[in-house]
């Protein structure tokens, strides 16, 4: 299963910044040992249902430390029997682009 999620605390930091809280959440994901990636909008994590949902729960708790509430956006691709899709899905798109002559991009 692949999960893309975004977590943001509200009502904690009087300056309105969330980077420290998001960093705590990302640290939980990275320390989990599950395949993951983080971009400007979401953190992606791959694994079995129970382990992924446990990581998301702990990431939400970490981000919410000191906050009055937390917002969570989550999207899941539940495809039993498939692993390594975090990279494989992107690779299939890059291959399709290469067939049309498009050069790979580095995210910029």
PDB file of N, CA and C in Angstrom:
ATOM      1  N   UNK A   1       0.839  -1.168   0.000  1.00  0.00           N
ATOM      2  CA  UNK A   1       0.000   0.000   0.000  1.00  0.00           C
ATOM      3  C   UNK A   1       0.885   1.233   0.000  1.00  0.00           C
ATOM      4  N   UNK A   2       0.471   2.199  -0.776  1.00  0.00           N
ATOM      5  CA  UNK A   2       1.118   3.511  -0.787  1.00  0.00           C
ATOM      6  C   UNK A   2       0.187   4.513  -0.132  1.00  0.00           C
ATOM      7  N   UNK A   3       0.750   5.370   0.694  1.00  0.00           N
ATOM      8  CA  UNK A   3      -0.026   6.440   1.304  1.00  0.00           C
ATOM      9  C   UNK A   3       0.720   7.748   1.089  1.00  0.00           C
ATOM     10  N   UNK A   4      -0.010   8.742   0.637  1.00  0.00           N
ATOM     11  CA  UNK A   4       0.496  10.111   0.569  1.00  0.00           C
ATOM     12  C   UNK A   4      -0.277  10.897   1.608  1.00  0.00           C
ATOM     13  N   UNK A   5       0.455  11.566   2.502  1.00  0.00           N
ATOM     14  CA  UNK A   5      -0.271  12.332   3.515  1.00  0.00           C
ATOM     15  C   UNK A   5       0.422  13.654   3.792  1.00  0.00           C
ATOM     16  N   UNK A   6      -0.394  14.567   4.259  1.00  0.00           N
ATOM     17  CA  UNK A   6       0.063  15.886   4.647  1.00  0.00           C
ATOM     18  C   UNK A   6      -0.537  16.177   6.008  1.00  0.00           C
ATOM     19  N   UNK A   7       0.285  16.653   6.919  1.00  0.00           N
ATOM     20  CA  UNK A   7      -0.174  16.945   8.264  1.00  0.00           C
ATOM     21  C   UNK A   7       0.255  18.358   8.630  1.00  0.00           C
ATOM     22  N   UNK A   8      -0.652  19.089   9.253  1.00  0.00           N
ATOM     23  CA  UNK A   8      -0.357  20.464   9.619  1.00  0.00           C
ATOM     24  C   UNK A   8      -1.055  20.807  10.931  1.00  0.00           C
ATOM     25  N   UNK A   9      -0.297  21.263  11.926  1.00  0.00           N
ATOM     26  CA  UNK A   9      -0.916  21.646  13.193  1.00  0.00           C
ATOM     27  C   UNK A   9      -1.554  23.022  13.095  1.00  0.00           C
ATOM     28  N   UNK A  10      -2.493  23.276  13.979  1.00  0.00           N
ATOM     29  CA  UNK A  10      -3.135  24.589  14.047  1.00  0.00           C
ATOM     30  C   UNK A  10      -3.291  24.969  15.516  1.00  0.00           C
ATOM     31  N   UNK A  11      -3.102  26.227  15.790  1.00  0.00           N
ATOM     32  CA  UNK A  11      -3.343  26.725  17.132  1.00  0.00           C
ATOM     33  C   UNK A  11      -2.210  26.523  18.118  1.00  0.00           C
ATOM     34  N   UNK A  12      -1.008  26.232  17.628  1.00  0.00           N
ATOM     35  CA  UNK A  12       0.112  26.018  18.552  1.00  0.00           C
ATOM     36  C   UNK A  12       1.138  27.123  18.487  1.00  0.00           C
ATOM     37  N   UNK A  13       1.775  27.307  17.354  1.00  0.00           N
ATOM     38  CA  UNK A  13       2.837  28.287  17.168  1.00  0.00           C
ATOM     39  C   UNK A  13       2.223  29.653  16.904  1.00  0.00           C
ATOM     40  N   UNK A  14       2.467  30.629  17.787  1.00  0.00           N
ATOM     41  CA  UNK A  14       1.860  31.945  17.585  1.00  0.00           C
ATOM     42  C   UNK A  14       2.357  32.645  16.320  1.00  0.00           C
ATOM     43  N   UNK A  15       3.511  32.242  15.796  1.00  0.00           N
ATOM     44  CA  UNK A  15       4.025  32.843  14.560  1.00  0.00           C
ATOM     45  C   UNK A  15       3.430  32.181  13.321  1.00  0.00           C
ATOM     46  N   UNK A  16       2.686  31.093  13.498  1.00  0.00           N
ATOM     47  CA  UNK A  16       2.020  30.444  12.380  1.00  0.00           C
ATOM     48  C   UNK A  16       2.876  29.501  11.572  1.00  0.00           C
ATOM     49  N   UNK A  17       4.156  29.357  11.927  1.00  0.00           N
ATOM     50  CA  UNK A  17       5.032  28.466  11.174  1.00  0.00           C
ATOM     51  C   UNK A  17       4.759  27.009  11.512  1.00  0.00           C
ATOM     52  N   UNK A  18       4.894  26.155  10.514  1.00  0.00           N
ATOM     53  CA  UNK A  18       4.642  24.733  10.743  1.00  0.00           C
ATOM     54  C   UNK A  18       5.842  23.860  10.405  1.00  0.00           C
ATOM     55  N   UNK A  19       6.947  24.444   9.960  1.00  0.00           N
ATOM     56  CA  UNK A  19       8.066  23.633   9.494  1.00  0.00           C
ATOM     57  C   UNK A  19       8.634  22.738  10.585  1.00  0.00           C
ATOM     58  N   UNK A  20       8.734  23.210  11.812  1.00  0.00           N
ATOM     59  CA  UNK A  20       9.261  22.375  12.896  1.00  0.00           C
ATOM     60  C   UNK A  20       8.329  21.206  13.174  1.00  0.00           C
ATOM     61  N   UNK A  21       7.035  21.461  13.179  1.00  0.00           N
ATOM     62  CA  UNK A  21       6.057  20.401  13.423  1.00  0.00           C
ATOM     63  C   UNK A  21       6.067  19.379  12.295  1.00  0.00           C
ATOM     64  N   UNK A  22       6.150  19.853  11.068  1.00  0.00           N
ATOM     65  CA  UNK A  22       6.201  18.941   9.921  1.00  0.00           C
ATOM     66  C   UNK A  22       7.500  18.140   9.967  1.00  0.00           C
ATOM     67  N   UNK A  23       8.588  18.756  10.370  1.00  0.00           N
ATOM     68  CA  UNK A  23       9.858  18.039  10.486  1.00  0.00           C
ATOM     69  C   UNK A  23       9.755  16.906  11.505  1.00  0.00           C
ATOM     70  N   UNK A  24       9.042  17.131  12.603  1.00  0.00           N
ATOM     71  CA  UNK A  24       8.846  16.059  13.589  1.00  0.00           C
ATOM     72  C   UNK A  24       8.089  14.893  12.957  1.00  0.00           C
ATOM     73  N   UNK A  25       7.084  15.204  12.157  1.00  0.00           N
ATOM     74  CA  UNK A  25       6.305  14.152  11.488  1.00  0.00           C
ATOM     75  C   UNK A  25       7.157  13.394  10.485  1.00  0.00           C
ATOM     76  N   UNK A  26       7.931  14.108   9.695  1.00  0.00           N
ATOM     77  CA  UNK A  26       8.792  13.471   8.693  1.00  0.00           C
ATOM     78  C   UNK A  26       9.845  12.607   9.384  1.00  0.00           C
ATOM     79  N   UNK A  27      10.348  13.054  10.512  1.00  0.00           N
ATOM     80  CA  UNK A  27      11.333  12.265  11.255  1.00  0.00           C
ATOM     81  C   UNK A  27      10.737  10.918  11.666  1.00  0.00           C
ATOM     82  N   UNK A  28       9.489  10.915  12.107  1.00  0.00           N
ATOM     83  CA  UNK A  28       8.816   9.666  12.472  1.00  0.00           C
ATOM     84  C   UNK A  28       8.785   8.721  11.272  1.00  0.00           C
ATOM     85  N   UNK A  29       8.417   9.265  10.102  1.00  0.00           N
ATOM     86  CA  UNK A  29       8.335   8.445   8.890  1.00  0.00           C
ATOM     87  C   UNK A  29       9.713   7.895   8.532  1.00  0.00           C
ATOM     88  N   UNK A  30      10.707   8.737   8.519  1.00  0.00           N
ATOM     89  CA  UNK A  30      12.061   8.292   8.146  1.00  0.00           C
ATOM     90  C   UNK A  30      12.614   7.268   9.129  1.00  0.00           C
ATOM     91  N   UNK A  31      12.333   7.455  10.404  1.00  0.00           N
ATOM     92  CA  UNK A  31      12.810   6.514  11.414  1.00  0.00           C
ATOM     93  C   UNK A  31      12.071   5.182  11.375  1.00  0.00           C
ATOM     94  N   UNK A  32      10.949   5.128  10.673  1.00  0.00           N
ATOM     95  CA  UNK A  32      10.150   3.895  10.616  1.00  0.00           C
ATOM     96  C   UNK A  32      10.840   2.783   9.839  1.00  0.00           C
ATOM     97  N   UNK A  33      11.744   3.165   8.939  1.00  0.00           N
ATOM     98  CA  UNK A  33      12.401   2.171   8.098  1.00  0.00           C
ATOM     99  C   UNK A  33      11.602   1.791   6.870  1.00  0.00           C
ATOM    100  N   UNK A  34      10.393   2.302   6.729  1.00  0.00           N
ATOM    101  CA  UNK A  34       9.586   2.031   5.538  1.00  0.00           C
ATOM    102  C   UNK A  34      10.062   2.902   4.386  1.00  0.00           C
ATOM    103  N   UNK A  35       9.918   2.425   3.145  1.00  0.00           N
ATOM    104  CA  UNK A  35      10.245   3.276   2.001  1.00  0.00           C
ATOM    105  C   UNK A  35       9.399   4.550   2.058  1.00  0.00           C
ATOM    106  N   UNK A  36      10.040   5.691   1.817  1.00  0.00           N
ATOM    107  CA  UNK A  36       9.312   6.958   1.907  1.00  0.00           C
ATOM    108  C   UNK A  36       9.987   8.025   1.070  1.00  0.00           C
ATOM    109  N   UNK A  37       9.256   9.077   0.811  1.00  0.00           N
ATOM    110  CA  UNK A  37       9.789  10.267   0.158  1.00  0.00           C
ATOM    111  C   UNK A  37       8.948  11.451   0.602  1.00  0.00           C
ATOM    112  N   UNK A  38       9.566  12.611   0.594  1.00  0.00           N
ATOM    113  CA  UNK A  38       8.864  13.829   0.985  1.00  0.00           C
ATOM    114  C   UNK A  38       9.065  14.866  -0.103  1.00  0.00           C
ATOM    115  N   UNK A  39       7.991  15.556  -0.459  1.00  0.00           N
ATOM    116  CA  UNK A  39       8.092  16.658  -1.417  1.00  0.00           C
ATOM    117  C   UNK A  39       7.429  17.886  -0.806  1.00  0.00           C
ATOM    118  N   UNK A  40       7.226  18.909  -1.569  1.00  0.00           N
ATOM    119  CA  UNK A  40       6.701  20.170  -1.039  1.00  0.00           C
ATOM    120  C   UNK A  40       5.280  20.064  -0.493  1.00  0.00           C
ATOM    121  N   UNK A  41       4.542  19.050  -0.913  1.00  0.00           N
ATOM    122  CA  UNK A  41       3.139  18.956  -0.509  1.00  0.00           C
ATOM    123  C   UNK A  41       2.798  17.746   0.363  1.00  0.00           C
ATOM    124  N   UNK A  42       3.479  16.625   0.153  1.00  0.00           N
ATOM    125  CA  UNK A  42       3.113  15.379   0.820  1.00  0.00           C
ATOM    126  C   UNK A  42       4.337  14.581   1.231  1.00  0.00           C
ATOM    127  N   UNK A  43       4.125  13.682   2.154  1.00  0.00           N
ATOM    128  CA  UNK A  43       5.080  12.636   2.464  1.00  0.00           C
ATOM    129  C   UNK A  43       4.441  11.329   2.015  1.00  0.00           C
ATOM    130  N   UNK A  44       5.192  10.542   1.282  1.00  0.00           N
ATOM    131  CA  UNK A  44       4.720   9.252   0.775  1.00  0.00           C
ATOM    132  C   UNK A  44       5.402   8.150   1.565  1.00  0.00           C
ATOM    133  N   UNK A  45       4.643   7.113   1.891  1.00  0.00           N
ATOM    134  CA  UNK A  45       5.197   5.987   2.626  1.00  0.00           C
ATOM    135  C   UNK A  45       4.574   4.709   2.086  1.00  0.00           C
ATOM    136  N   UNK A  46       5.376   3.642   2.035  1.00  0.00           N
ATOM    137  CA  UNK A  46       4.919   2.378   1.470  1.00  0.00           C
ATOM    138  C   UNK A  46       5.122   1.247   2.461  1.00  0.00           C
ATOM    139  N   UNK A  47       4.130   0.367   2.554  1.00  0.00           N
ATOM    140  CA  UNK A  47       4.230  -0.798   3.421  1.00  0.00           C
ATOM    141  C   UNK A  47       2.886  -1.474   3.559  1.00  0.00           C
ATOM    142  N   UNK A  48       2.794  -2.347   4.537  1.00  0.00           N
ATOM    143  CA  UNK A  48       1.530  -3.027   4.821  1.00  0.00           C
ATOM    144  C   UNK A  48       0.605  -2.092   5.589  1.00  0.00           C
ATOM    145  N   UNK A  49      -0.698  -2.344   5.483  1.00  0.00           N
ATOM    146  CA  UNK A  49      -1.725  -1.471   6.059  1.00  0.00           C
ATOM    147  C   UNK A  49      -1.416  -1.069   7.498  1.00  0.00           C
ATOM    148  N   UNK A  50      -1.257  -2.055   8.376  1.00  0.00           N
ATOM    149  CA  UNK A  50      -1.090  -1.756   9.801  1.00  0.00           C
ATOM    150  C   UNK A  50       0.170  -0.944  10.075  1.00  0.00           C
ATOM    151  N   UNK A  51       1.267  -1.277   9.416  1.00  0.00           N
ATOM    152  CA  UNK A  51       2.507  -0.553   9.685  1.00  0.00           C
ATOM    153  C   UNK A  51       2.451   0.867   9.134  1.00  0.00           C
ATOM    154  N   UNK A  52       1.850   1.055   7.965  1.00  0.00           N
ATOM    155  CA  UNK A  52       1.741   2.396   7.392  1.00  0.00           C
ATOM    156  C   UNK A  52       0.813   3.270   8.248  1.00  0.00           C
ATOM    157  N   UNK A  53      -0.327   2.723   8.628  1.00  0.00           N
ATOM    158  CA  UNK A  53      -1.270   3.520   9.425  1.00  0.00           C
ATOM    159  C   UNK A  53      -0.696   3.850  10.805  1.00  0.00           C
ATOM    160  N   UNK A  54       0.108   2.946  11.364  1.00  0.00           N
ATOM    161  CA  UNK A  54       0.766   3.236  12.636  1.00  0.00           C
ATOM    162  C   UNK A  54       1.740   4.399  12.477  1.00  0.00           C
ATOM    163  N   UNK A  55       2.493   4.408  11.383  1.00  0.00           N
ATOM    164  CA  UNK A  55       3.439   5.494  11.129  1.00  0.00           C
ATOM    165  C   UNK A  55       2.695   6.810  10.935  1.00  0.00           C
ATOM    166  N   UNK A  56       1.604   6.779  10.177  1.00  0.00           N
ATOM    167  CA  UNK A  56       0.823   8.009   9.972  1.00  0.00           C
ATOM    168  C   UNK A  56       0.294   8.517  11.311  1.00  0.00           C
ATOM    169  N   UNK A  57      -0.228   7.630  12.125  1.00  0.00           N
ATOM    170  CA  UNK A  57      -0.756   8.031  13.439  1.00  0.00           C
ATOM    171  C   UNK A  57       0.336   8.680  14.285  1.00  0.00           C
ATOM    172  N   UNK A  58       1.509   8.046  14.328  1.00  0.00           N
ATOM    173  CA  UNK A  58       2.598   8.600  15.129  1.00  0.00           C
ATOM    174  C   UNK A  58       3.105   9.925  14.553  1.00  0.00           C
ATOM    175  N   UNK A  59       3.087  10.062  13.237  1.00  0.00           N
ATOM    176  CA  UNK A  59       3.501  11.317  12.599  1.00  0.00           C
ATOM    177  C   UNK A  59       2.521  12.441  12.938  1.00  0.00           C
ATOM    178  N   UNK A  60       1.234  12.124  12.929  1.00  0.00           N
ATOM    179  CA  UNK A  60       0.222  13.122  13.296  1.00  0.00           C
ATOM    180  C   UNK A  60       0.417  13.547  14.751  1.00  0.00           C
ATOM    181  N   UNK A  61       0.645  12.571  15.624  1.00  0.00           N
ATOM    182  CA  UNK A  61       0.868  12.890  17.037  1.00  0.00           C
ATOM    183  C   UNK A  61       2.104  13.768  17.210  1.00  0.00           C
ATOM    184  N   UNK A  62       3.173  13.457  16.483  1.00  0.00           N
ATOM    185  CA  UNK A  62       4.401  14.245  16.582  1.00  0.00           C
ATOM    186  C   UNK A  62       4.185  15.668  16.085  1.00  0.00           C
ATOM    187  N   UNK A  63       3.498  15.801  14.975  1.00  0.00           N
ATOM    188  CA  UNK A  63       3.243  17.135  14.424  1.00  0.00           C
ATOM    189  C   UNK A  63       2.324  17.937  15.330  1.00  0.00           C
ATOM    190  N   UNK A  64       1.455  17.254  16.046  1.00  0.00           N
ATOM    191  CA  UNK A  64       0.473  17.931  16.873  1.00  0.00           C
ATOM    192  C   UNK A  64       0.943  18.309  18.262  1.00  0.00           C
ATOM    193  N   UNK A  65       2.185  17.973  18.599  1.00  0.00           N
ATOM    194  CA  UNK A  65       2.697  18.330  19.926  1.00  0.00           C
ATOM    195  C   UNK A  65       2.556  19.827  20.162  1.00  0.00           C
ATOM    196  N   UNK A  66       1.802  20.195  21.181  1.00  0.00           N
ATOM    197  CA  UNK A  66       1.611  21.596  21.528  1.00  0.00           C
ATOM    198  C   UNK A  66       0.561  22.326  20.706  1.00  0.00           C
ATOM    199  N   UNK A  67      -0.086  21.636  19.789  1.00  0.00           N
ATOM    200  CA  UNK A  67      -1.101  22.282  18.942  1.00  0.00           C
ATOM    201  C   UNK A  67      -2.499  21.970  19.466  1.00  0.00           C
ATOM    202  N   UNK A  68      -3.408  22.886  19.246  1.00  0.00           N
ATOM    203  CA  UNK A  68      -4.793  22.686  19.658  1.00  0.00           C
ATOM    204  C   UNK A  68      -5.509  21.676  18.771  1.00  0.00           C
ATOM    205  N   UNK A  69      -5.073  21.590  17.507  1.00  0.00           N
ATOM    206  CA  UNK A  69      -5.654  20.615  16.574  1.00  0.00           C
ATOM    207  C   UNK A  69      -4.690  20.372  15.431  1.00  0.00           C
ATOM    208  N   UNK A  70      -4.988  19.307  14.674  1.00  0.00           N
ATOM    209  CA  UNK A  70      -4.124  18.911  13.559  1.00  0.00           C
ATOM    210  C   UNK A  70      -4.997  18.586  12.354  1.00  0.00           C
ATOM    211  N   UNK A  71      -4.563  19.038  11.196  1.00  0.00           N
ATOM    212  CA  UNK A  71      -5.243  18.717   9.944  1.00  0.00           C
ATOM    213  C   UNK A  71      -4.457  17.615   9.244  1.00  0.00           C
ATOM    214  N   UNK A  72      -5.169  16.592   8.763  1.00  0.00           N
ATOM    215  CA  UNK A  72      -4.538  15.482   8.058  1.00  0.00           C
ATOM    216  C   UNK A  72      -5.243  15.278   6.724  1.00  0.00           C
ATOM    217  N   UNK A  73      -4.467  15.238   5.650  1.00  0.00           N
ATOM    218  CA  UNK A  73      -4.960  14.874   4.324  1.00  0.00           C
ATOM    219  C   UNK A  73      -4.249  13.579   3.960  1.00  0.00           C
ATOM    220  N   UNK A  74      -5.014  12.567   3.559  1.00  0.00           N
ATOM    221  CA  UNK A  74      -4.423  11.258   3.287  1.00  0.00           C
ATOM    222  C   UNK A  74      -5.045  10.665   2.037  1.00  0.00           C
ATOM    223  N   UNK A  75      -4.189  10.137   1.188  1.00  0.00           N
ATOM    224  CA  UNK A  75      -4.631   9.424  -0.006  1.00  0.00           C
ATOM    225  C   UNK A  75      -3.906   8.091  -0.027  1.00  0.00           C
ATOM    226  N   UNK A  76      -4.634   7.005  -0.281  1.00  0.00           N
ATOM    227  CA  UNK A  76      -4.027   5.678  -0.249  1.00  0.00           C
ATOM    228  C   UNK A  76      -4.275   4.936  -1.550  1.00  0.00           C
ATOM    229  N   UNK A  77      -3.259   4.184  -1.965  1.00  0.00           N
ATOM    230  CA  UNK A  77      -3.349   3.272  -3.104  1.00  0.00           C
ATOM    231  C   UNK A  77      -3.182   1.875  -2.516  1.00  0.00           C
ATOM    232  N   UNK A  78      -4.286   1.170  -2.397  1.00  0.00           N
ATOM    233  CA  UNK A  78      -4.292  -0.139  -1.754  1.00  0.00           C
ATOM    234  C   UNK A  78      -4.298  -1.192  -2.851  1.00  0.00           C
ATOM    235  N   UNK A  79      -3.166  -1.846  -3.018  1.00  0.00           N
ATOM    236  CA  UNK A  79      -2.984  -2.801  -4.109  1.00  0.00           C
ATOM    237  C   UNK A  79      -2.249  -4.032  -3.575  1.00  0.00           C
ATOM    238  N   UNK A  80      -2.996  -4.966  -2.994  1.00  0.00           N
ATOM    239  CA  UNK A  80      -2.358  -6.140  -2.386  1.00  0.00           C
ATOM    240  C   UNK A  80      -1.446  -6.878  -3.367  1.00  0.00           C
ATOM    241  N   UNK A  81      -0.318  -7.339  -2.824  1.00  0.00           N
ATOM    242  CA  UNK A  81       0.611  -8.124  -3.630  1.00  0.00           C
ATOM    243  C   UNK A  81       1.661  -7.309  -4.357  1.00  0.00           C
ATOM    244  N   UNK A  82       1.602  -6.009  -4.286  1.00  0.00           N
ATOM    245  CA  UNK A  82       2.576  -5.152  -4.973  1.00  0.00           C
ATOM    246  C   UNK A  82       3.459  -4.450  -3.955  1.00  0.00           C
ATOM    247  N   UNK A  83       4.754  -4.456  -4.223  1.00  0.00           N
ATOM    248  CA  UNK A  83       5.725  -3.746  -3.402  1.00  0.00           C
ATOM    249  C   UNK A  83       6.627  -2.938  -4.328  1.00  0.00           C
ATOM    250  N   UNK A  84       7.349  -2.004  -3.762  1.00  0.00           N
ATOM    251  CA  UNK A  84       8.289  -1.212  -4.553  1.00  0.00           C
ATOM    252  C   UNK A  84       7.624  -0.224  -5.492  1.00  0.00           C
ATOM    253  N   UNK A  85       6.367   0.093  -5.228  1.00  0.00           N
ATOM    254  CA  UNK A  85       5.640   0.980  -6.134  1.00  0.00           C
ATOM    255  C   UNK A  85       5.960   2.452  -5.929  1.00  0.00           C
ATOM    256  N   UNK A  86       6.567   2.786  -4.807  1.00  0.00           N
ATOM    257  CA  UNK A  86       6.944   4.175  -4.561  1.00  0.00           C
ATOM    258  C   UNK A  86       7.848   4.682  -5.677  1.00  0.00           C
ATOM    259  N   UNK A  87       8.791   3.859  -6.082  1.00  0.00           N
ATOM    260  CA  UNK A  87       9.683   4.226  -7.192  1.00  0.00           C
ATOM    261  C   UNK A  87       9.163   3.734  -8.533  1.00  0.00           C
ATOM    262  N   UNK A  88       8.520   2.570  -8.554  1.00  0.00           N
ATOM    263  CA  UNK A  88       8.102   1.961  -9.817  1.00  0.00           C
ATOM    264  C   UNK A  88       7.060   2.805 -10.558  1.00  0.00           C
ATOM    265  N   UNK A  89       6.147   3.410  -9.830  1.00  0.00           N
ATOM    266  CA  UNK A  89       5.127   4.240 -10.494  1.00  0.00           C
ATOM    267  C   UNK A  89       5.767   5.427 -11.205  1.00  0.00           C
ATOM    268  N   UNK A  90       6.719   6.052 -10.540  1.00  0.00           N
ATOM    269  CA  UNK A  90       7.414   7.199 -11.145  1.00  0.00           C
ATOM    270  C   UNK A  90       8.232   6.738 -12.343  1.00  0.00           C
ATOM    271  N   UNK A  91       8.886   5.609 -12.217  1.00  0.00           N
ATOM    272  CA  UNK A  91       9.699   5.083 -13.314  1.00  0.00           C
ATOM    273  C   UNK A  91       8.848   4.797 -14.549  1.00  0.00           C
ATOM    274  N   UNK A  92       7.653   4.263 -14.367  1.00  0.00           N
ATOM    275  CA  UNK A  92       6.776   3.997 -15.517  1.00  0.00           C
ATOM    276  C   UNK A  92       6.390   5.288 -16.230  1.00  0.00           C
ATOM    277  N   UNK A  93       6.160   6.337 -15.485  1.00  0.00           N
ATOM    278  CA  UNK A  93       5.843   7.631 -16.109  1.00  0.00           C
ATOM    279  C   UNK A  93       7.058   8.170 -16.845  1.00  0.00           C
ATOM    280  N   UNK A  94       8.241   8.087 -16.234  1.00  0.00           N
ATOM    281  CA  UNK A  94       9.467   8.556 -16.893  1.00  0.00           C
ATOM    282  C   UNK A  94       9.721   7.775 -18.181  1.00  0.00           C
ATOM    283  N   UNK A  95       9.479   6.472 -18.168  1.00  0.00           N
ATOM    284  CA  UNK A  95       9.651   5.665 -19.378  1.00  0.00           C
ATOM    285  C   UNK A  95       8.682   6.105 -20.470  1.00  0.00           C
ATOM    286  N   UNK A  96       7.449   6.386 -20.089  1.00  0.00           N
ATOM    287  CA  UNK A  96       6.468   6.850 -21.078  1.00  0.00           C
ATOM    288  C   UNK A  96       6.893   8.194 -21.664  1.00  0.00           C
ATOM    289  N   UNK A  97       7.410   9.079 -20.831  1.00  0.00           N
ATOM    290  CA  UNK A  97       7.889  10.369 -21.318  1.00  0.00           C
ATOM    291  C   UNK A  97       9.085  10.194 -22.243  1.00  0.00           C
ATOM    292  N   UNK A  98       9.974   9.283 -21.898  1.00  0.00           N
ATOM    293  CA  UNK A  98      11.162   9.045 -22.723  1.00  0.00           C
ATOM    294  C   UNK A  98      10.773   8.540 -24.107  1.00  0.00           C
ATOM    295  N   UNK A  99       9.719   7.743 -24.173  1.00  0.00           N
ATOM    296  CA  UNK A  99       9.275   7.238 -25.481  1.00  0.00           C
ATOM    297  C   UNK A  99       8.780   8.368 -26.380  1.00  0.00           C
ATOM    298  N   UNK A 100       8.361   9.467 -25.782  1.00  0.00           N
ATOM    299  CA  UNK A 100       7.895  10.603 -26.579  1.00  0.00           C
ATOM    300  C   UNK A 100       8.978  11.669 -26.736  1.00  0.00           C
ATOM    301  N   UNK A 101      10.209  11.362 -26.256  1.00  0.00           N
ATOM    302  CA  UNK A 101      11.321  12.294 -26.426  1.00  0.00           C
ATOM    303  C   UNK A 101      11.477  13.299 -25.304  1.00  0.00           C
ATOM    304  N   UNK A 102      10.649  13.240 -24.291  1.00  0.00           N
ATOM    305  CA  UNK A 102      10.753  14.151 -23.154  1.00  0.00           C
ATOM    306  C   UNK A 102      11.974  13.778 -22.300  1.00  0.00           C
ATOM    307  N   UNK A 103      12.726  14.770 -21.887  1.00  0.00           N
ATOM    308  CA  UNK A 103      13.888  14.540 -21.039  1.00  0.00           C
ATOM    309  C   UNK A 103      13.435  14.459 -19.586  1.00  0.00           C
ATOM    310  N   UNK A 104      14.047  13.563 -18.793  1.00  0.00           N
ATOM    311  CA  UNK A 104      13.697  13.477 -17.362  1.00  0.00           C
ATOM    312  C   UNK A 104      13.967  14.797 -16.676  1.00  0.00           C
ATOM    313  N   UNK A 105      13.132  15.120 -15.710  1.00  0.00           N
ATOM    314  CA  UNK A 105      13.301  16.352 -14.945  1.00  0.00           C
ATOM    315  C   UNK A 105      13.716  16.020 -13.536  1.00  0.00           C
ATOM    316  N   UNK A 106      14.424  16.952 -12.924  1.00  0.00           N
ATOM    317  CA  UNK A 106      14.878  16.729 -11.557  1.00  0.00           C
ATOM    318  C   UNK A 106      13.978  17.399 -10.537  1.00  0.00           C
ATOM    319  N   UNK A 107      12.754  17.732 -10.904  1.00  0.00           N
ATOM    320  CA  UNK A 107      11.812  18.329  -9.970  1.00  0.00           C
ATOM    321  C   UNK A 107      11.747  19.846 -10.010  1.00  0.00           C
ATOM    322  N   UNK A 108      12.519  20.466 -10.874  1.00  0.00           N
ATOM    323  CA  UNK A 108      12.483  21.940 -10.955  1.00  0.00           C
ATOM    324  C   UNK A 108      11.753  22.408 -12.172  1.00  0.00           C
TER     325      UNK A 108
END
